Amino acid sequence: MTIETLAKTPLHALHLELGARMVPFAGYDMPVQYPLGVLKEHQHTRDQAGLFDVSHMGQIILRGEGAAQALERLVPVDIVDLPVGTQRYAMFTNEEGGILDDLMVANAYDHLFLVVNAACKHEDLAHLQRNLAGQCEVEPLFDRALLALQGPAAVKVLARLAPEVAQMTFMQFARVRLLDVDCFVSRSGYTGEDGFEISVPAEHAEALARSLLAEPQVQPIGLGARDSLRLEAGLCLYGHDMSSTTTPIEAGLAWAISKARRAGGARAGGFPGAERILAQQQNGVPRKRVGLLPQERTPVREGSEIVDADSTVIGQVCSGGFGPTLGAPLAMGYLDSAHSALDSEVWAVVRGKRVPMKVAKTPFVPQRYYRG
């Protein structure tokens, strides 16, 4: 894909003006870092507030009385009883129990508002249109931008534009006027920090971004720091830490299967792959996603094989890098369950050399979501 064929977000010109280094990502020309650099951008988000352009993500609305029941047949999550003004993490599953994508679903009173991953958004839209035809309206909102304001100062900054956001708690969702423009705001994010995601009409995105960046606590943050922040927070990245061949149980996402949809629940099963997923939830899995801490300074990257003391392959790294807040390398990987106990010793093979690692708890850095 050439630079000419890459899609651009509504903030593309602003990224160039701010001196961003641009890279292709999910079909878009996206900022990987700004002159501040990945390390300082990461730490600034942990200490104050970072502004991320995540407009490449897909935004979709489901309308109609049957929308909640219809969507619930595609995800292992309680959508029917999702309270108004609340957002929930969900996954589309396939008939084998694999994950087609992960997404956020909010009850916006008269419709459901979905945010799906950039690389999957066209497939997700087709999946919804195919499966929900005749049950509800499926409306893509690809003419909107999405900004993420993340970090401990995020609430103070956004409350200057809309004081009511200070009353929101983690995973709450509201329609909020920012600079006289109707926006959808959720108190959520992908960094492990307190913060907000803001859906804004594309033509107003730059004015809002400039207004937020004018605040002394806010710096623009690129994809590089977004990845190191989410990795420290132990959060999955679709296509790396989960895929159509990994189930929610293998991916360590059993917590995201709502009680009502589990075996014995009020609306047990009824989603693609339910039989396999619920059986795994009760009986366990042969492999699972775990946190890994390299015991040397060598960073361990995605794709590295994991071996036991006898050099038998027992798994593979799915995400890895350096954690600036942790001050050490860190990784996540899939391991045979027999080797997945906390503090188990395993080794990653990096350029033919064995790097010792310990199985560790995630998140690697404590999450600081605001729960009120």
Protein backbone atom coordinates (compact mmCIF):
# COMPACT_ATOMS: atom_id res chain seq x y z
CA MET A 1 0.00 0.00 0.00
CA THR A 2 1.49 3.36 -1.01
CA ILE A 3 1.24 6.57 0.97
CA GLU A 4 -1.24 7.85 -1.68
CA THR A 5 -3.67 4.98 -1.07
CA LEU A 6 -3.62 5.17 2.73
CA ALA A 7 -6.74 6.62 4.32
CA LYS A 8 -6.34 9.77 6.42
CA THR A 9 -8.13 10.69 9.63
CA PRO A 10 -9.70 14.18 10.03
CA LEU A 11 -6.63 15.14 12.12
CA HIS A 12 -4.04 14.17 9.48
CA ALA A 13 -2.97 17.77 8.69
CA LEU A 14 -2.68 18.53 12.42
CA HIS A 15 -0.39 15.51 12.96
CA LEU A 16 1.94 16.78 10.22
CA GLU A 17 1.86 20.30 11.69
CA LEU A 18 2.82 18.86 15.10
CA GLY A 19 5.85 17.07 13.56
CA ALA A 20 4.51 13.52 13.86
CA ARG A 21 6.35 10.60 12.29
CA MET A 22 3.66 8.86 10.24
CA VAL A 23 3.39 5.12 9.55
CA PRO A 24 0.83 2.87 7.79
CA PHE A 25 -1.53 1.25 10.30
CA ALA A 26 -4.77 -0.63 9.50
CA GLY A 27 -4.91 1.07 6.11
CA TYR A 28 -4.44 4.57 7.56
CA ASP A 29 -1.53 7.02 7.67
CA MET A 30 -1.15 7.31 11.44
CA PRO A 31 1.23 9.10 13.87
CA VAL A 32 3.57 6.62 15.58
CA GLN A 33 5.29 9.36 17.61
CA TYR A 34 5.77 13.11 17.90
CA PRO A 35 9.01 15.05 18.57
CA LEU A 36 8.64 14.32 22.32
CA GLY A 37 9.42 10.64 21.58
CA VAL A 38 7.70 7.41 22.62
CA LEU A 39 9.29 7.16 26.09
CA LYS A 40 8.31 10.71 27.15
CA GLU A 41 4.87 10.43 25.51
CA HIS A 42 4.23 7.25 27.50
CA GLN A 43 5.31 8.82 30.78
CA HIS A 44 3.42 12.05 30.11
CA THR A 45 0.19 10.04 29.72
CA ARG A 46 0.85 8.27 33.04
CA ASP A 47 1.67 11.58 34.79
CA GLN A 48 -0.70 14.11 33.15
CA ALA A 49 -2.82 13.71 30.00
CA GLY A 50 -2.23 12.48 26.47
CA LEU A 51 -4.41 13.05 23.41
CA PHE A 52 -4.66 10.15 20.94
CA ASP A 53 -6.25 10.19 17.49
CA VAL A 54 -8.16 6.90 17.24
CA SER A 55 -10.42 8.00 14.38
CA HIS A 56 -9.36 4.94 12.38
CA MET A 57 -11.59 2.84 14.66
CA GLY A 58 -15.08 1.96 13.41
CA GLN A 59 -18.17 3.57 14.93
CA ILE A 60 -21.55 1.93 14.30
CA ILE A 61 -25.09 2.59 15.56
CA LEU A 62 -27.79 -0.07 15.97
CA ARG A 63 -31.35 1.29 16.06
CA GLY A 64 -34.69 -0.33 16.73
CA GLU A 65 -36.56 -2.06 19.55
CA GLY A 66 -34.96 -5.41 18.80
CA ALA A 67 -31.36 -4.14 18.65
CA ALA A 68 -30.26 -5.41 22.08
CA GLN A 69 -31.72 -8.90 21.62
CA ALA A 70 -30.32 -9.10 18.08
CA LEU A 71 -26.78 -8.06 19.08
CA GLU A 72 -26.85 -10.41 22.07
CA ARG A 73 -27.05 -13.36 19.66
CA LEU A 74 -23.59 -12.42 18.33
CA VAL A 75 -21.72 -11.77 21.61
CA PRO A 76 -21.29 -13.63 24.96
CA VAL A 77 -22.30 -10.47 26.82
CA ASP A 78 -25.44 -9.19 28.54
CA ILE A 79 -26.76 -6.51 26.17
CA VAL A 80 -30.47 -6.84 26.99
CA ASP A 81 -29.95 -5.59 30.57
CA LEU A 82 -27.20 -3.06 29.77
CA PRO A 83 -28.27 0.08 31.66
CA VAL A 84 -28.80 3.34 29.77
CA GLY A 85 -25.64 5.46 29.88
CA THR A 86 -23.37 2.44 30.37
CA GLN A 87 -20.77 0.88 28.11
CA ARG A 88 -19.63 -2.75 28.12
CA TYR A 89 -16.71 -4.66 26.60
CA ALA A 90 -17.80 -7.38 24.17
CA MET A 91 -16.48 -9.81 21.57
CA PHE A 92 -17.88 -11.14 18.30
CA THR A 93 -17.34 -14.92 18.31
CA ASN A 94 -17.43 -17.47 15.49
CA GLU A 95 -18.93 -20.98 15.44
CA GLU A 96 -15.65 -22.48 16.71
CA GLY A 97 -15.60 -20.08 19.67
CA GLY A 98 -12.82 -17.93 18.18
CA ILE A 99 -12.83 -14.14 18.50
CA LEU A 100 -13.70 -12.22 15.30
CA ASP A 101 -13.11 -8.86 17.00
CA ASP A 102 -13.48 -7.13 20.34
CA LEU A 103 -15.59 -4.02 20.71
CA MET A 104 -17.31 -1.57 23.05
CA VAL A 105 -21.12 -1.40 23.22
CA ALA A 106 -22.92 1.53 24.85
CA ASN A 107 -26.62 1.94 25.60
CA ALA A 108 -27.28 5.47 24.32
CA TYR A 109 -30.99 5.39 25.30
CA ASP A 110 -32.58 5.24 21.84
CA HIS A 111 -29.79 3.25 20.15
CA LEU A 112 -26.70 1.13 20.77
CA PHE A 113 -23.35 2.75 19.98
CA LEU A 114 -20.50 0.40 19.00
CA VAL A 115 -16.77 1.04 18.61
CA VAL A 116 -14.91 -1.69 16.73
CA ASN A 117 -11.27 -2.17 15.69
CA ALA A 118 -9.90 -0.35 12.65
CA ALA A 119 -8.55 -3.44 10.86
CA CYS A 120 -11.86 -5.29 11.27
CA LYS A 121 -14.42 -2.50 10.88
CA HIS A 122 -15.59 -3.34 7.35
CA GLU A 123 -15.86 -7.07 8.18
CA ASP A 124 -17.67 -6.21 11.43
CA LEU A 125 -20.14 -3.98 9.61
CA ALA A 126 -20.84 -6.74 7.06
CA HIS A 127 -21.17 -9.28 9.93
CA LEU A 128 -23.78 -7.07 11.63
CA GLN A 129 -25.66 -6.31 8.43
CA ARG A 130 -25.75 -9.99 7.49
CA ASN A 131 -26.87 -11.26 10.89
CA LEU A 132 -29.13 -8.43 12.05
CA ALA A 133 -31.00 -7.84 8.78
CA GLY A 134 -34.70 -7.32 9.46
CA GLN A 135 -34.15 -7.09 13.24
CA CYS A 136 -32.69 -3.59 13.57
CA GLU A 137 -31.03 -0.82 11.57
CA VAL A 138 -27.23 -0.97 11.23
CA GLU A 139 -25.80 2.48 10.58
CA PRO A 140 -22.05 3.04 10.07
CA LEU A 141 -20.73 6.35 11.45
CA PHE A 142 -17.50 6.45 9.49
CA ASP A 143 -17.87 10.25 9.13
CA ARG A 144 -17.01 10.79 12.79
CA ALA A 145 -13.64 11.17 14.47
CA LEU A 146 -12.67 9.52 17.76
CA LEU A 147 -10.29 11.14 20.24
CA ALA A 148 -8.95 9.54 23.41
CA LEU A 149 -7.90 11.82 26.27
CA GLN A 150 -6.04 9.64 28.75
CA GLY A 151 -4.22 10.15 32.05
CA PRO A 152 -4.82 11.43 35.58
CA ALA A 153 -5.34 15.05 34.40
CA ALA A 154 -7.85 14.07 31.69
CA VAL A 155 -10.91 14.74 33.86
CA LYS A 156 -9.68 18.19 34.91
CA VAL A 157 -8.98 19.11 31.28
CA LEU A 158 -12.28 17.87 29.83
CA ALA A 159 -14.30 19.30 32.72
CA ARG A 160 -13.15 22.78 31.64
CA LEU A 161 -15.22 22.28 28.49
CA ALA A 162 -18.06 20.28 30.10
CA PRO A 163 -18.13 20.22 33.93
CA GLU A 164 -20.62 17.30 33.99
CA VAL A 165 -17.97 14.80 32.81
CA ALA A 166 -16.41 14.92 36.29
CA GLN A 167 -19.49 13.08 37.60
CA MET A 168 -19.04 10.16 35.20
CA THR A 169 -17.41 6.93 36.40
CA PHE A 170 -15.53 4.20 34.54
CA MET A 171 -17.54 2.78 31.59
CA GLN A 172 -20.28 5.40 31.79
CA PHE A 173 -21.44 6.94 28.50
CA ALA A 174 -23.15 10.27 27.81
CA ARG A 175 -24.04 12.78 25.12
CA VAL A 176 -22.03 15.88 25.91
CA ARG A 177 -21.74 19.27 24.20
CA LEU A 178 -18.11 20.24 23.66
CA LEU A 179 -17.41 23.62 22.00
CA ASP A 180 -21.14 23.74 21.08
CA VAL A 181 -20.93 20.40 19.24
CA ASP A 182 -22.88 17.27 20.22
CA CYS A 183 -20.40 14.49 21.09
CA PHE A 184 -20.60 10.98 22.54
CA VAL A 185 -18.29 10.64 25.55
CA SER A 186 -17.37 7.51 27.49
CA ARG A 187 -15.14 7.38 30.55
CA SER A 188 -12.87 4.63 29.29
CA GLY A 189 -9.70 4.01 27.30
CA TYR A 190 -6.88 1.70 26.34
CA THR A 191 -4.04 2.83 28.61
CA GLY A 192 -4.99 1.56 32.08
CA GLU A 193 -5.39 5.21 33.14
CA ASP A 194 -8.48 7.26 33.86
CA GLY A 195 -9.66 9.05 30.75
CA PHE A 196 -12.28 9.57 28.08
CA GLU A 197 -13.04 8.57 24.52
CA ILE A 198 -14.84 11.29 22.53
CA SER A 199 -16.79 10.70 19.32
CA VAL A 200 -17.07 13.98 17.41
CA PRO A 201 -18.31 14.86 13.89
CA ALA A 202 -15.28 14.84 11.56
CA GLU A 203 -15.59 18.51 10.63
CA HIS A 204 -15.29 19.58 14.28
CA ALA A 205 -12.48 17.18 15.28
CA GLU A 206 -9.56 19.52 14.62
CA ALA A 207 -11.05 22.41 16.61
CA LEU A 208 -11.67 20.09 19.57
CA ALA A 209 -8.18 18.58 19.34
CA ARG A 210 -6.57 22.03 19.21
CA SER A 211 -8.62 23.17 22.20
CA LEU A 212 -7.51 20.15 24.26
CA LEU A 213 -3.87 20.46 23.15
CA ALA A 214 -3.88 24.13 24.21
CA GLU A 215 -4.23 22.96 27.84
CA PRO A 216 -0.83 22.83 29.58
CA GLN A 217 -1.38 19.24 30.85
CA VAL A 218 -2.00 17.77 27.37
CA GLN A 219 0.49 16.43 24.82
CA PRO A 220 -0.23 14.62 21.53
CA ILE A 221 0.57 10.90 21.79
CA GLY A 222 1.24 8.43 18.97
CA LEU A 223 0.71 4.72 18.36
CA GLY A 224 4.10 3.79 19.84
CA ALA A 225 3.19 4.93 23.35
CA ARG A 226 -0.39 3.68 22.91
CA ASP A 227 1.05 0.19 22.48
CA SER A 228 3.46 0.35 25.45
CA LEU A 229 0.71 1.81 27.68
CA ARG A 230 -1.81 -0.93 26.82
CA LEU A 231 0.84 -3.64 27.21
CA GLU A 232 1.72 -2.44 30.73
CA ALA A 233 -2.03 -2.46 31.47
CA GLY A 234 -2.23 -6.09 30.27
CA LEU A 235 -4.80 -5.22 27.59
CA CYS A 236 -5.22 -7.37 24.47
CA LEU A 237 -4.64 -6.10 20.94
CA TYR A 238 -6.80 -7.81 18.34
CA GLY A 239 -4.80 -9.74 15.73
CA HIS A 240 -1.93 -10.18 18.19
CA ASP A 241 -3.18 -11.32 21.61
CA MET A 242 -6.42 -12.78 20.30
CA SER A 243 -7.75 -13.87 16.93
CA SER A 244 -10.38 -15.99 15.19
CA THR A 245 -8.49 -19.09 16.40
CA THR A 246 -8.32 -18.14 20.10
CA THR A 247 -11.34 -18.39 22.38
CA PRO A 248 -12.19 -15.86 25.11
CA ILE A 249 -11.19 -18.45 27.75
CA GLU A 250 -7.76 -19.06 26.18
CA ALA A 251 -7.30 -15.28 25.87
CA GLY A 252 -7.93 -14.79 29.61
CA LEU A 253 -11.18 -12.92 28.93
CA ALA A 254 -13.57 -15.17 30.86
CA TRP A 255 -14.44 -12.13 33.02
CA ALA A 256 -16.04 -10.56 29.92
CA ILE A 257 -18.60 -13.35 29.57
CA SER A 258 -21.60 -11.98 31.44
CA LYS A 259 -23.09 -14.03 34.29
CA ALA A 260 -26.46 -14.16 32.48
CA ARG A 261 -24.83 -15.81 29.44
CA ARG A 262 -22.79 -18.45 31.32
CA ALA A 263 -23.88 -22.03 31.96
CA GLY A 264 -26.82 -21.84 34.37
CA GLY A 265 -27.36 -18.13 33.64
CA ALA A 266 -30.71 -16.50 32.83
CA ARG A 267 -29.90 -16.46 29.08
CA ALA A 268 -27.10 -19.03 28.94
CA GLY A 269 -25.36 -19.53 25.59
CA GLY A 270 -27.15 -18.52 22.42
CA PHE A 271 -24.07 -16.92 20.82
CA PRO A 272 -21.74 -18.42 18.15
CA GLY A 273 -19.36 -21.02 19.61
CA ALA A 274 -21.19 -21.03 22.96
CA GLU A 275 -20.94 -24.78 23.44
CA ARG A 276 -17.14 -24.80 23.17
CA ILE A 277 -16.61 -21.58 25.13
CA LEU A 278 -18.87 -22.57 28.05
CA ALA A 279 -17.32 -26.06 28.16
CA GLN A 280 -13.86 -24.47 28.35
CA GLN A 281 -15.05 -22.14 31.10
CA GLN A 282 -16.06 -25.16 33.19
CA ASN A 283 -13.31 -27.62 32.22
CA GLY A 284 -10.29 -25.43 31.52
CA VAL A 285 -8.13 -25.00 28.40
CA PRO A 286 -4.88 -26.60 27.18
CA ARG A 287 -3.23 -23.20 26.66
CA LYS A 288 -3.81 -19.70 27.95
CA ARG A 289 -2.58 -16.12 27.69
CA VAL A 290 -0.24 -15.09 30.50
CA GLY A 291 1.97 -12.17 31.48
CA LEU A 292 5.72 -12.68 31.09
CA LEU A 293 8.62 -10.79 32.65
CA PRO A 294 12.01 -11.29 30.95
CA GLN A 295 14.71 -11.64 33.63
CA GLU A 296 17.28 -9.86 31.45
CA ARG A 297 17.18 -6.49 29.69
CA THR A 298 16.64 -8.20 26.31
CA PRO A 299 13.26 -7.21 24.86
CA VAL A 300 11.24 -10.24 23.77
CA ARG A 301 9.09 -9.62 20.69
CA GLU A 302 5.90 -11.04 19.22
CA GLY A 303 6.42 -14.41 17.54
CA SER A 304 9.29 -15.56 19.78
CA GLU A 305 8.97 -19.21 20.78
CA ILE A 306 8.72 -20.05 24.49
CA VAL A 307 10.47 -23.20 25.72
CA ASP A 308 10.81 -25.13 28.99
CA ALA A 309 14.02 -26.20 30.76
CA ASP A 310 14.43 -29.04 28.23
CA SER A 311 14.04 -26.64 25.27
CA THR A 312 10.65 -28.16 24.38
CA VAL A 313 8.41 -25.54 22.76
CA ILE A 314 5.53 -24.75 25.14
CA GLY A 315 4.20 -21.50 23.71
CA GLN A 316 4.69 -18.27 21.79
CA VAL A 317 4.93 -14.57 22.61
CA CYS A 318 1.97 -12.55 21.26
CA SER A 319 3.04 -9.04 22.40
CA GLY A 320 6.29 -7.76 23.81
CA GLY A 321 8.41 -4.68 24.31
CA PHE A 322 9.77 -2.31 26.93
CA GLY A 323 7.58 -0.91 29.71
CA PRO A 324 8.73 2.64 30.49
CA THR A 325 6.71 2.86 33.75
CA LEU A 326 7.74 -0.65 34.76
CA GLY A 327 11.33 0.22 33.80
CA ALA A 328 11.85 -3.25 32.32
CA PRO A 329 10.95 -5.41 29.32
CA LEU A 330 7.59 -7.19 29.45
CA ALA A 331 5.55 -9.52 27.27
CA MET A 332 2.37 -11.54 26.98
CA GLY A 333 2.15 -14.96 25.41
CA TYR A 334 0.22 -18.18 25.05
CA LEU A 335 1.57 -21.03 27.19
CA ASP A 336 0.63 -24.65 27.71
CA SER A 337 -1.53 -24.56 30.84
CA ALA A 338 0.84 -26.96 32.64
CA HIS A 339 3.49 -24.18 32.61
CA SER A 340 1.20 -21.20 33.27
CA ALA A 341 1.31 -20.98 37.09
CA LEU A 342 2.53 -17.65 38.47
CA ASP A 343 6.34 -17.41 38.85
CA SER A 344 6.91 -20.46 36.60
CA GLU A 345 10.30 -20.27 34.87
CA VAL A 346 10.23 -20.37 31.08
CA TRP A 347 12.55 -19.16 28.33
CA ALA A 348 12.00 -17.13 25.15
CA VAL A 349 14.18 -17.91 22.16
CA VAL A 350 15.54 -14.62 20.80
CA ARG A 351 17.94 -14.87 17.84
CA GLY A 352 18.88 -18.40 18.90
CA LYS A 353 19.59 -17.38 22.53
CA ARG A 354 17.44 -18.42 25.51
CA VAL A 355 16.15 -15.48 27.55
CA PRO A 356 14.86 -16.48 31.02
CA MET A 357 11.33 -15.29 31.86
CA LYS A 358 8.86 -15.62 34.70
CA VAL A 359 5.11 -16.00 34.36
CA ALA A 360 3.65 -12.84 35.91
CA LYS A 361 0.32 -11.33 36.89
CA THR A 362 -1.26 -8.72 34.63
CA PRO A 363 -1.70 -5.79 34.65
CA PHE A 364 2.04 -5.14 35.01
CA VAL A 365 1.28 -1.56 36.15
CA PRO A 366 -1.80 -0.97 38.36
CA GLN A 367 -4.87 0.24 36.45
CA ARG A 368 -6.26 3.55 37.64
CA TYR A 369 -9.79 3.67 36.24
CA TYR A 370 -12.12 6.05 38.10
CA ARG A 371 -14.90 4.03 39.72
CA GLY A 372 -16.20 6.80 41.99
